[in-house]
PDB file of N, CA and C in Angstrom:
ATOM      1  N   UNK A   1     -35.342  -6.581 -22.439  1.00  0.00           N
ATOM      2  CA  UNK A   1     -36.440  -5.679 -22.683  1.00  0.00           C
ATOM      3  C   UNK A   1     -37.719  -6.245 -22.064  1.00  0.00           C
ATOM      4  N   UNK A   2     -38.623  -5.388 -21.758  1.00  0.00           N
ATOM      5  CA  UNK A   2     -39.862  -5.792 -21.094  1.00  0.00           C
ATOM      6  C   UNK A   2     -41.070  -5.605 -22.006  1.00  0.00           C
ATOM      7  N   UNK A   3     -41.074  -6.294 -23.120  1.00  0.00           N
ATOM      8  CA  UNK A   3     -42.205  -6.227 -24.032  1.00  0.00           C
ATOM      9  C   UNK A   3     -42.438  -4.829 -24.551  1.00  0.00           C
ATOM     10  N   UNK A   4     -43.681  -4.357 -24.432  1.00  0.00           N
ATOM     11  CA  UNK A   4     -44.047  -3.046 -24.949  1.00  0.00           C
ATOM     12  C   UNK A   4     -43.643  -1.909 -24.020  1.00  0.00           C
ATOM     13  N   UNK A   5     -43.129  -2.241 -22.847  1.00  0.00           N
ATOM     14  CA  UNK A   5     -42.713  -1.191 -21.902  1.00  0.00           C
ATOM     15  C   UNK A   5     -41.451  -0.500 -22.411  1.00  0.00           C
ATOM     16  N   UNK A   6     -41.325   0.769 -22.075  1.00  0.00           N
ATOM     17  CA  UNK A   6     -40.095   1.518 -22.354  1.00  0.00           C
ATOM     18  C   UNK A   6     -39.500   1.845 -20.990  1.00  0.00           C
ATOM     19  N   UNK A   7     -38.384   1.224 -20.671  1.00  0.00           N
ATOM     20  CA  UNK A   7     -37.794   1.322 -19.336  1.00  0.00           C
ATOM     21  C   UNK A   7     -36.667   2.344 -19.337  1.00  0.00           C
ATOM     22  N   UNK A   8     -36.766   3.306 -18.421  1.00  0.00           N
ATOM     23  CA  UNK A   8     -35.740   4.337 -18.276  1.00  0.00           C
ATOM     24  C   UNK A   8     -35.065   4.148 -16.928  1.00  0.00           C
ATOM     25  N   UNK A   9     -33.757   4.065 -16.945  1.00  0.00           N
ATOM     26  CA  UNK A   9     -32.966   4.039 -15.716  1.00  0.00           C
ATOM     27  C   UNK A   9     -32.413   5.442 -15.528  1.00  0.00           C
ATOM     28  N   UNK A  10     -32.845   6.106 -14.479  1.00  0.00           N
ATOM     29  CA  UNK A  10     -32.439   7.480 -14.199  1.00  0.00           C
ATOM     30  C   UNK A  10     -31.502   7.475 -13.005  1.00  0.00           C
ATOM     31  N   UNK A  11     -30.272   7.893 -13.225  1.00  0.00           N
ATOM     32  CA  UNK A  11     -29.271   7.957 -12.155  1.00  0.00           C
ATOM     33  C   UNK A  11     -28.641   9.345 -12.135  1.00  0.00           C
ATOM     34  N   UNK A  12     -28.139   9.752 -10.986  1.00  0.00           N
ATOM     35  CA  UNK A  12     -27.620  11.107 -10.867  1.00  0.00           C
ATOM     36  C   UNK A  12     -26.407  11.417 -11.745  1.00  0.00           C
ATOM     37  N   UNK A  13     -25.538  10.425 -11.981  1.00  0.00           N
ATOM     38  CA  UNK A  13     -24.282  10.710 -12.669  1.00  0.00           C
ATOM     39  C   UNK A  13     -23.769   9.450 -13.360  1.00  0.00           C
ATOM     40  N   UNK A  14     -22.959   9.639 -14.390  1.00  0.00           N
ATOM     41  CA  UNK A  14     -22.294   8.502 -15.038  1.00  0.00           C
ATOM     42  C   UNK A  14     -21.220   7.919 -14.128  1.00  0.00           C
ATOM     43  N   UNK A  15     -20.763   8.704 -13.171  1.00  0.00           N
ATOM     44  CA  UNK A  15     -19.757   8.266 -12.204  1.00  0.00           C
ATOM     45  C   UNK A  15     -20.469   7.549 -11.046  1.00  0.00           C
ATOM     46  N   UNK A  16     -20.259   6.240 -10.887  1.00  0.00           N
ATOM     47  CA  UNK A  16     -20.952   5.501  -9.835  1.00  0.00           C
ATOM     48  C   UNK A  16     -20.711   6.061  -8.425  1.00  0.00           C
ATOM     49  N   UNK A  17     -19.503   6.509  -8.144  1.00  0.00           N
ATOM     50  CA  UNK A  17     -19.211   7.066  -6.814  1.00  0.00           C
ATOM     51  C   UNK A  17     -20.010   8.343  -6.568  1.00  0.00           C
ATOM     52  N   UNK A  18     -20.145   9.164  -7.587  1.00  0.00           N
ATOM     53  CA  UNK A  18     -20.926  10.396  -7.460  1.00  0.00           C
ATOM     54  C   UNK A  18     -22.419  10.065  -7.325  1.00  0.00           C
ATOM     55  N   UNK A  19     -22.897   9.095  -8.079  1.00  0.00           N
ATOM     56  CA  UNK A  19     -24.293   8.671  -7.949  1.00  0.00           C
ATOM     57  C   UNK A  19     -24.569   8.177  -6.536  1.00  0.00           C
ATOM     58  N   UNK A  20     -23.668   7.382  -6.002  1.00  0.00           N
ATOM     59  CA  UNK A  20     -23.836   6.874  -4.643  1.00  0.00           C
ATOM     60  C   UNK A  20     -23.868   8.014  -3.639  1.00  0.00           C
ATOM     61  N   UNK A  21     -22.981   8.973  -3.786  1.00  0.00           N
ATOM     62  CA  UNK A  21     -22.940  10.116  -2.870  1.00  0.00           C
ATOM     63  C   UNK A  21     -24.252  10.892  -2.912  1.00  0.00           C
ATOM     64  N   UNK A  22     -24.724  11.188  -4.126  1.00  0.00           N
ATOM     65  CA  UNK A  22     -25.946  11.973  -4.291  1.00  0.00           C
ATOM     66  C   UNK A  22     -27.155  11.222  -3.730  1.00  0.00           C
ATOM     67  N   UNK A  23     -27.287   9.948  -4.077  1.00  0.00           N
ATOM     68  CA  UNK A  23     -28.435   9.179  -3.603  1.00  0.00           C
ATOM     69  C   UNK A  23     -28.402   8.984  -2.093  1.00  0.00           C
ATOM     70  N   UNK A  24     -27.227   8.740  -1.549  1.00  0.00           N
ATOM     71  CA  UNK A  24     -27.114   8.571  -0.098  1.00  0.00           C
ATOM     72  C   UNK A  24     -27.534   9.864   0.610  1.00  0.00           C
ATOM     73  N   UNK A  25     -27.059  10.998   0.097  1.00  0.00           N
ATOM     74  CA  UNK A  25     -27.419  12.293   0.676  1.00  0.00           C
ATOM     75  C   UNK A  25     -28.935  12.515   0.620  1.00  0.00           C
ATOM     76  N   UNK A  26     -29.538  12.219  -0.516  1.00  0.00           N
ATOM     77  CA  UNK A  26     -30.994  12.389  -0.669  1.00  0.00           C
ATOM     78  C   UNK A  26     -31.765  11.474   0.277  1.00  0.00           C
ATOM     79  N   UNK A  27     -31.345  10.225   0.362  1.00  0.00           N
ATOM     80  CA  UNK A  27     -32.036   9.272   1.236  1.00  0.00           C
ATOM     81  C   UNK A  27     -31.918   9.682   2.697  1.00  0.00           C
ATOM     82  N   UNK A  28     -30.731  10.088   3.099  1.00  0.00           N
ATOM     83  CA  UNK A  28     -30.550  10.552   4.483  1.00  0.00           C
ATOM     84  C   UNK A  28     -31.447  11.749   4.767  1.00  0.00           C
ATOM     85  N   UNK A  29     -31.457  12.697   3.858  1.00  0.00           N
ATOM     86  CA  UNK A  29     -32.226  13.931   4.051  1.00  0.00           C
ATOM     87  C   UNK A  29     -33.734  13.694   3.988  1.00  0.00           C
ATOM     88  N   UNK A  30     -34.174  12.959   2.985  1.00  0.00           N
ATOM     89  CA  UNK A  30     -35.611  12.836   2.727  1.00  0.00           C
ATOM     90  C   UNK A  30     -36.281  11.660   3.438  1.00  0.00           C
ATOM     91  N   UNK A  31     -35.537  10.594   3.674  1.00  0.00           N
ATOM     92  CA  UNK A  31     -36.127   9.381   4.244  1.00  0.00           C
ATOM     93  C   UNK A  31     -35.534   8.997   5.599  1.00  0.00           C
ATOM     94  N   UNK A  32     -34.437   9.654   5.969  1.00  0.00           N
ATOM     95  CA  UNK A  32     -33.800   9.333   7.239  1.00  0.00           C
ATOM     96  C   UNK A  32     -33.130   7.968   7.265  1.00  0.00           C
ATOM     97  N   UNK A  33     -32.715   7.491   6.102  1.00  0.00           N
ATOM     98  CA  UNK A  33     -32.042   6.196   6.025  1.00  0.00           C
ATOM     99  C   UNK A  33     -30.884   6.275   5.039  1.00  0.00           C
ATOM    100  N   UNK A  34     -29.869   5.440   5.283  1.00  0.00           N
ATOM    101  CA  UNK A  34     -28.726   5.393   4.366  1.00  0.00           C
ATOM    102  C   UNK A  34     -28.766   4.153   3.477  1.00  0.00           C
ATOM    103  N   UNK A  35     -29.762   3.306   3.654  1.00  0.00           N
ATOM    104  CA  UNK A  35     -29.964   2.072   2.902  1.00  0.00           C
ATOM    105  C   UNK A  35     -28.835   1.068   3.079  1.00  0.00           C
ATOM    106  N   UNK A  36     -28.199   1.112   4.244  1.00  0.00           N
ATOM    107  CA  UNK A  36     -27.247   0.069   4.619  1.00  0.00           C
ATOM    108  C   UNK A  36     -27.904  -0.727   5.747  1.00  0.00           C
ATOM    109  N   UNK A  37     -28.086  -2.028   5.539  1.00  0.00           N
ATOM    110  CA  UNK A  37     -28.722  -2.897   6.523  1.00  0.00           C
ATOM    111  C   UNK A  37     -27.828  -4.103   6.775  1.00  0.00           C
ATOM    112  N   UNK A  38     -27.496  -4.327   8.018  1.00  0.00           N
ATOM    113  CA  UNK A  38     -26.658  -5.482   8.400  1.00  0.00           C
ATOM    114  C   UNK A  38     -25.400  -5.564   7.543  1.00  0.00           C
ATOM    115  N   UNK A  39     -24.796  -4.418   7.289  1.00  0.00           N
ATOM    116  CA  UNK A  39     -23.563  -4.370   6.508  1.00  0.00           C
ATOM    117  C   UNK A  39     -23.754  -4.451   5.005  1.00  0.00           C
ATOM    118  N   UNK A  40     -24.995  -4.568   4.549  1.00  0.00           N
ATOM    119  CA  UNK A  40     -25.273  -4.654   3.103  1.00  0.00           C
ATOM    120  C   UNK A  40     -25.714  -3.288   2.593  1.00  0.00           C
ATOM    121  N   UNK A  41     -25.002  -2.770   1.602  1.00  0.00           N
ATOM    122  CA  UNK A  41     -25.283  -1.443   1.048  1.00  0.00           C
ATOM    123  C   UNK A  41     -26.172  -1.590  -0.188  1.00  0.00           C
ATOM    124  N   UNK A  42     -27.456  -1.377   0.005  1.00  0.00           N
ATOM    125  CA  UNK A  42     -28.428  -1.548  -1.083  1.00  0.00           C
ATOM    126  C   UNK A  42     -28.263  -0.504  -2.182  1.00  0.00           C
ATOM    127  N   UNK A  43     -27.930   0.716  -1.830  1.00  0.00           N
ATOM    128  CA  UNK A  43     -27.731   1.741  -2.865  1.00  0.00           C
ATOM    129  C   UNK A  43     -26.541   1.391  -3.755  1.00  0.00           C
ATOM    130  N   UNK A  44     -25.455   0.977  -3.141  1.00  0.00           N
ATOM    131  CA  UNK A  44     -24.271   0.605  -3.928  1.00  0.00           C
ATOM    132  C   UNK A  44     -24.579  -0.572  -4.850  1.00  0.00           C
ATOM    133  N   UNK A  45     -25.341  -1.526  -4.345  1.00  0.00           N
ATOM    134  CA  UNK A  45     -25.731  -2.673  -5.176  1.00  0.00           C
ATOM    135  C   UNK A  45     -26.597  -2.232  -6.350  1.00  0.00           C
ATOM    136  N   UNK A  46     -27.559  -1.352  -6.076  1.00  0.00           N
ATOM    137  CA  UNK A  46     -28.455  -0.887  -7.133  1.00  0.00           C
ATOM    138  C   UNK A  46     -27.683  -0.127  -8.221  1.00  0.00           C
ATOM    139  N   UNK A  47     -26.776   0.740  -7.795  1.00  0.00           N
ATOM    140  CA  UNK A  47     -26.011   1.541  -8.763  1.00  0.00           C
ATOM    141  C   UNK A  47     -25.127   0.660  -9.637  1.00  0.00           C
ATOM    142  N   UNK A  48     -24.564  -0.378  -9.061  1.00  0.00           N
ATOM    143  CA  UNK A  48     -23.656  -1.244  -9.815  1.00  0.00           C
ATOM    144  C   UNK A  48     -24.320  -2.413 -10.504  1.00  0.00           C
ATOM    145  N   UNK A  49     -25.640  -2.487 -10.455  1.00  0.00           N
ATOM    146  CA  UNK A  49     -26.360  -3.638 -10.990  1.00  0.00           C
ATOM    147  C   UNK A  49     -26.316  -3.682 -12.515  1.00  0.00           C
ATOM    148  N   UNK A  50     -25.755  -4.748 -13.039  1.00  0.00           N
ATOM    149  CA  UNK A  50     -25.775  -4.941 -14.496  1.00  0.00           C
ATOM    150  C   UNK A  50     -27.187  -5.239 -14.976  1.00  0.00           C
ATOM    151  N   UNK A  51     -27.970  -5.881 -14.105  1.00  0.00           N
ATOM    152  CA  UNK A  51     -29.345  -6.215 -14.472  1.00  0.00           C
ATOM    153  C   UNK A  51     -30.169  -4.946 -14.716  1.00  0.00           C
ATOM    154  N   UNK A  52     -30.018  -3.949 -13.850  1.00  0.00           N
ATOM    155  CA  UNK A  52     -30.743  -2.696 -14.052  1.00  0.00           C
ATOM    156  C   UNK A  52     -30.399  -2.086 -15.399  1.00  0.00           C
ATOM    157  N   UNK A  53     -29.116  -2.061 -15.721  1.00  0.00           N
ATOM    158  CA  UNK A  53     -28.692  -1.501 -17.004  1.00  0.00           C
ATOM    159  C   UNK A  53     -29.191  -2.330 -18.180  1.00  0.00           C
ATOM    160  N   UNK A  54     -29.189  -3.638 -18.049  1.00  0.00           N
ATOM    161  CA  UNK A  54     -29.621  -4.472 -19.178  1.00  0.00           C
ATOM    162  C   UNK A  54     -31.127  -4.394 -19.410  1.00  0.00           C
ATOM    163  N   UNK A  55     -31.904  -4.124 -18.360  1.00  0.00           N
ATOM    164  CA  UNK A  55     -33.355  -3.997 -18.525  1.00  0.00           C
ATOM    165  C   UNK A  55     -33.757  -2.657 -19.125  1.00  0.00           C
ATOM    166  N   UNK A  56     -32.901  -1.670 -18.989  1.00  0.00           N
ATOM    167  CA  UNK A  56     -33.252  -0.318 -19.430  1.00  0.00           C
ATOM    168  C   UNK A  56     -33.126  -0.168 -20.945  1.00  0.00           C
ATOM    169  N   UNK A  57     -34.132   0.477 -21.519  1.00  0.00           N
ATOM    170  CA  UNK A  57     -34.049   0.865 -22.924  1.00  0.00           C
ATOM    171  C   UNK A  57     -33.230   2.140 -23.065  1.00  0.00           C
ATOM    172  N   UNK A  58     -33.210   2.926 -21.992  1.00  0.00           N
ATOM    173  CA  UNK A  58     -32.506   4.208 -21.990  1.00  0.00           C
ATOM    174  C   UNK A  58     -31.957   4.460 -20.599  1.00  0.00           C
ATOM    175  N   UNK A  59     -30.684   4.826 -20.524  1.00  0.00           N
ATOM    176  CA  UNK A  59     -30.077   5.239 -19.261  1.00  0.00           C
ATOM    177  C   UNK A  59     -29.875   6.745 -19.342  1.00  0.00           C
ATOM    178  N   UNK A  60     -30.415   7.459 -18.364  1.00  0.00           N
ATOM    179  CA  UNK A  60     -30.344   8.920 -18.341  1.00  0.00           C
ATOM    180  C   UNK A  60     -29.572   9.338 -17.100  1.00  0.00           C
ATOM    181  N   UNK A  61     -28.595  10.208 -17.294  1.00  0.00           N
ATOM    182  CA  UNK A  61     -27.805  10.744 -16.196  1.00  0.00           C
ATOM    183  C   UNK A  61     -28.272  12.159 -15.903  1.00  0.00           C
ATOM    184  N   UNK A  62     -28.660  12.395 -14.645  1.00  0.00           N
ATOM    185  CA  UNK A  62     -29.157  13.715 -14.249  1.00  0.00           C
ATOM    186  C   UNK A  62     -28.092  14.788 -14.334  1.00  0.00           C
ATOM    187  N   UNK A  63     -26.937  14.517 -13.740  1.00  0.00           N
ATOM    188  CA  UNK A  63     -25.800  15.440 -13.782  1.00  0.00           C
ATOM    189  C   UNK A  63     -26.188  16.896 -13.540  1.00  0.00           C
ATOM    190  N   UNK A  64     -27.105  17.134 -12.591  1.00  0.00           N
ATOM    191  CA  UNK A  64     -27.487  18.504 -12.245  1.00  0.00           C
ATOM    192  C   UNK A  64     -28.413  19.179 -13.248  1.00  0.00           C
ATOM    193  N   UNK A  65     -28.902  18.435 -14.222  1.00  0.00           N
ATOM    194  CA  UNK A  65     -29.791  19.011 -15.231  1.00  0.00           C
ATOM    195  C   UNK A  65     -31.180  19.240 -14.649  1.00  0.00           C
ATOM    196  N   UNK A  66     -31.947  20.091 -15.282  1.00  0.00           N
ATOM    197  CA  UNK A  66     -33.311  20.365 -14.829  1.00  0.00           C
ATOM    198  C   UNK A  66     -34.214  19.182 -15.165  1.00  0.00           C
ATOM    199  N   UNK A  67     -35.313  19.087 -14.420  1.00  0.00           N
ATOM    200  CA  UNK A  67     -36.291  18.027 -14.670  1.00  0.00           C
ATOM    201  C   UNK A  67     -36.860  18.139 -16.085  1.00  0.00           C
ATOM    202  N   UNK A  68     -37.087  19.353 -16.557  1.00  0.00           N
ATOM    203  CA  UNK A  68     -37.663  19.518 -17.896  1.00  0.00           C
ATOM    204  C   UNK A  68     -36.667  19.084 -18.981  1.00  0.00           C
ATOM    205  N   UNK A  69     -35.389  19.320 -18.777  1.00  0.00           N
ATOM    206  CA  UNK A  69     -34.372  18.892 -19.732  1.00  0.00           C
ATOM    207  C   UNK A  69     -34.325  17.360 -19.796  1.00  0.00           C
ATOM    208  N   UNK A  70     -34.384  16.732 -18.629  1.00  0.00           N
ATOM    209  CA  UNK A  70     -34.374  15.269 -18.566  1.00  0.00           C
ATOM    210  C   UNK A  70     -35.640  14.709 -19.215  1.00  0.00           C
ATOM    211  N   UNK A  71     -36.779  15.323 -18.922  1.00  0.00           N
ATOM    212  CA  UNK A  71     -38.047  14.874 -19.512  1.00  0.00           C
ATOM    213  C   UNK A  71     -38.008  14.980 -21.033  1.00  0.00           C
ATOM    214  N   UNK A  72     -37.438  16.040 -21.559  1.00  0.00           N
ATOM    215  CA  UNK A  72     -37.328  16.206 -23.016  1.00  0.00           C
ATOM    216  C   UNK A  72     -36.452  15.113 -23.617  1.00  0.00           C
ATOM    217  N   UNK A  73     -35.351  14.768 -22.941  1.00  0.00           N
ATOM    218  CA  UNK A  73     -34.484  13.707 -23.433  1.00  0.00           C
ATOM    219  C   UNK A  73     -35.239  12.385 -23.490  1.00  0.00           C
ATOM    220  N   UNK A  74     -35.985  12.087 -22.427  1.00  0.00           N
ATOM    221  CA  UNK A  74     -36.746  10.842 -22.395  1.00  0.00           C
ATOM    222  C   UNK A  74     -37.835  10.846 -23.458  1.00  0.00           C
ATOM    223  N   UNK A  75     -38.575  11.926 -23.547  1.00  0.00           N
ATOM    224  CA  UNK A  75     -39.663  12.017 -24.530  1.00  0.00           C
ATOM    225  C   UNK A  75     -39.144  11.856 -25.954  1.00  0.00           C
ATOM    226  N   UNK A  76     -37.986  12.410 -26.233  1.00  0.00           N
ATOM    227  CA  UNK A  76     -37.447  12.317 -27.593  1.00  0.00           C
ATOM    228  C   UNK A  76     -36.954  10.901 -27.908  1.00  0.00           C
ATOM    229  N   UNK A  77     -36.707  10.107 -26.882  1.00  0.00           N
ATOM    230  CA  UNK A  77     -36.225   8.738 -27.103  1.00  0.00           C
ATOM    231  C   UNK A  77     -37.359   7.736 -27.256  1.00  0.00           C
ATOM    232  N   UNK A  78     -38.546   8.112 -26.821  1.00  0.00           N
ATOM    233  CA  UNK A  78     -39.698   7.197 -26.870  1.00  0.00           C
ATOM    234  C   UNK A  78     -40.292   7.229 -28.265  1.00  0.00           C
ATOM    235  N   UNK A  79     -40.482   6.037 -28.815  1.00  0.00           N
ATOM    236  CA  UNK A  79     -41.165   5.932 -30.102  1.00  0.00           C
ATOM    237  C   UNK A  79     -42.438   5.111 -29.896  1.00  0.00           C
ATOM    238  N   UNK A  80     -43.456   5.480 -30.585  1.00  0.00           N
ATOM    239  CA  UNK A  80     -44.730   4.765 -30.468  1.00  0.00           C
ATOM    240  C   UNK A  80     -45.028   4.115 -31.794  1.00  0.00           C
ATOM    241  N   UNK A  81     -45.184   2.813 -31.746  1.00  0.00           N
ATOM    242  CA  UNK A  81     -45.533   2.068 -32.966  1.00  0.00           C
ATOM    243  C   UNK A  81     -47.040   2.131 -33.153  1.00  0.00           C
ATOM    244  N   UNK A  82     -47.499   2.400 -34.367  1.00  0.00           N
ATOM    245  CA  UNK A  82     -48.948   2.389 -34.603  1.00  0.00           C
ATOM    246  C   UNK A  82     -49.509   1.005 -34.339  1.00  0.00           C
ATOM    247  N   UNK A  83     -50.700   0.956 -33.805  1.00  0.00           N
ATOM    248  CA  UNK A  83     -51.338  -0.327 -33.465  1.00  0.00           C
ATOM    249  C   UNK A  83     -51.924  -0.963 -34.694  1.00  0.00           C
TER     250      UNK A  83
END
C-alpha cells in the first residue's frame, strides 16, 4: 500500500491474453507503437506484473463496460477517513 493513496489498477480484462490484445491494439492505433523494444514486450510485462497487483488497493476490469460504470465502481470502493 502507498500510505494515504488509494491505488486503482485498471485493466481491460481478467484474462491476461485479452488484456494484452486490447492494449496492443490501442497502443498501435493511438500511439503508433506496440511497446516491444529489442525483443522485450513491455505491455506483457506490465500485465503480468505481480508488483502492480500488490500495490493496488483495487483491481478493476473494464470488460467493455462504460466509463461511468467503472467510475461508480471505483467511487464506491473509496473510503475517506475523517481527519
